[in-house]
Amino acid sequence: MKITRLTRYKVSTNEAVLITKSCYGINGTAIELSGERDRNFLIINPNGNKFILKISNPADSEEIIDFQNKLLFHLASKNGQWKWQKPQVGLNGEFICDYETLDGNQLKVRLLTFLDGILLADFSPHDFSLMHDLGDFIGHISQSLSGFIHPAMHRNLFWDLKNGVELVKTHLKDINDNKRIDKISSLIDKIESTEALSSNQLRERVIYNDANHHNVLLQCNKVGKSKIVGAIDFGDSVFSWLVADLAIACTYSMLNKDIPLEYARPIVKGFNKTQPLNELEISSLFSLICLRTCMSVTIAAHQKSLYPNNPYLLISEKPAWNLIDKLIKISSDFAHFSFRHACGLEPSTSNTLY
């Protein structure tokens, strides 16, 4: 699969202010935020209320944008103990507004409520209790999306793990470093030997697909005790493998860890408590973690060549390469047995001592 994406529309902060006023009747100031797919702005009105203005990528149809809105409403209705961004109704009476810029671009615009919190990426320490809570949180998202359907859920998305092997193989040359290419090729060989992936037997449903440490929000009390309060950015949601959400959460939480598998286990335990995994999902999990990491560095290499001045696109590149060096050294059987143990099962499927 080739990485294809239309360039984000160029919108200035002054234009963002005009769009917010024209489409939503809200006066305020605008600060541009980072983003991969959409053009995003923090809007602050005179009363200090905050919103996120999203200028949708030109590749996204109105049906796909509606899918993202409906997903947020669904999660809020099923998981009231956490906070979710709420789409705002425009002056046109709809949750998606059309806006034509001075240079003739036809924009699809959304306004979401702002979620305050500390990004998991900016919080320390990542103790095992927090990792368990992360797994439980992602498990609740997965469980609540069971039965959720939308016409736009079947998307050809390059961040979808189901497209991962093909994508990495297609863009391997973009890495432009033979030693690194050899490392990725070695992991891809392992991944392709995973029976559940090659036979496509894994359970499927709509998934979050972006539970990375820059999208999960925390709050801290006065003594430093943290709790997860919500998540942002559902722009990559898609109908895919249920276990992919767990694999993605594990992948990014394993970054910058000396012994990464130790931090994946409590996530698996927390997820499995809420959204029980089956044998095939447990056996494929380590391969999916490896695959997401391979996808991350491959996509980063490709995007770096196209957008060298967008640091957001490379935010996880260096720690991801460090993680790849560690993943190569981990036995797939050992990882499998560790995840089985985290799910309350006998570590070895054959009760053989290793």
Foldseek 3Di string as FASTA:
>chain_A
DEDDFADEDDDDQVNVQVCCCVWAVFHFGWDWDADDFWTWIWTQGPVRFTKIKTWGGPVDDPQLVVVVQVLQVLCCVQCVQFDGKHWDQIPVRHQWDWDADPVGDTTTMIMIGDDDFDQLVRDDDLDLVVLLLLLLVQLSSLVSQVPPDGPPQADPHQLALLCLLVHLVVQLCLLVDVVLSVLLVVLSVVLCPQVCSVVVVADKTWHQSALARRFWGWHADPVGDIHTRDGDDSSRIHIHGSLLSLLNNLLRCLFPDPQSLVSSLSSLLSSCVRHNDDLSSLLNSLSSNSSSLSSLQSQLSVVCVVCVPRCVSCVCNVSSSVVSVVSVVDDSLQSSLSSCVSNVHHSDPVPDDD
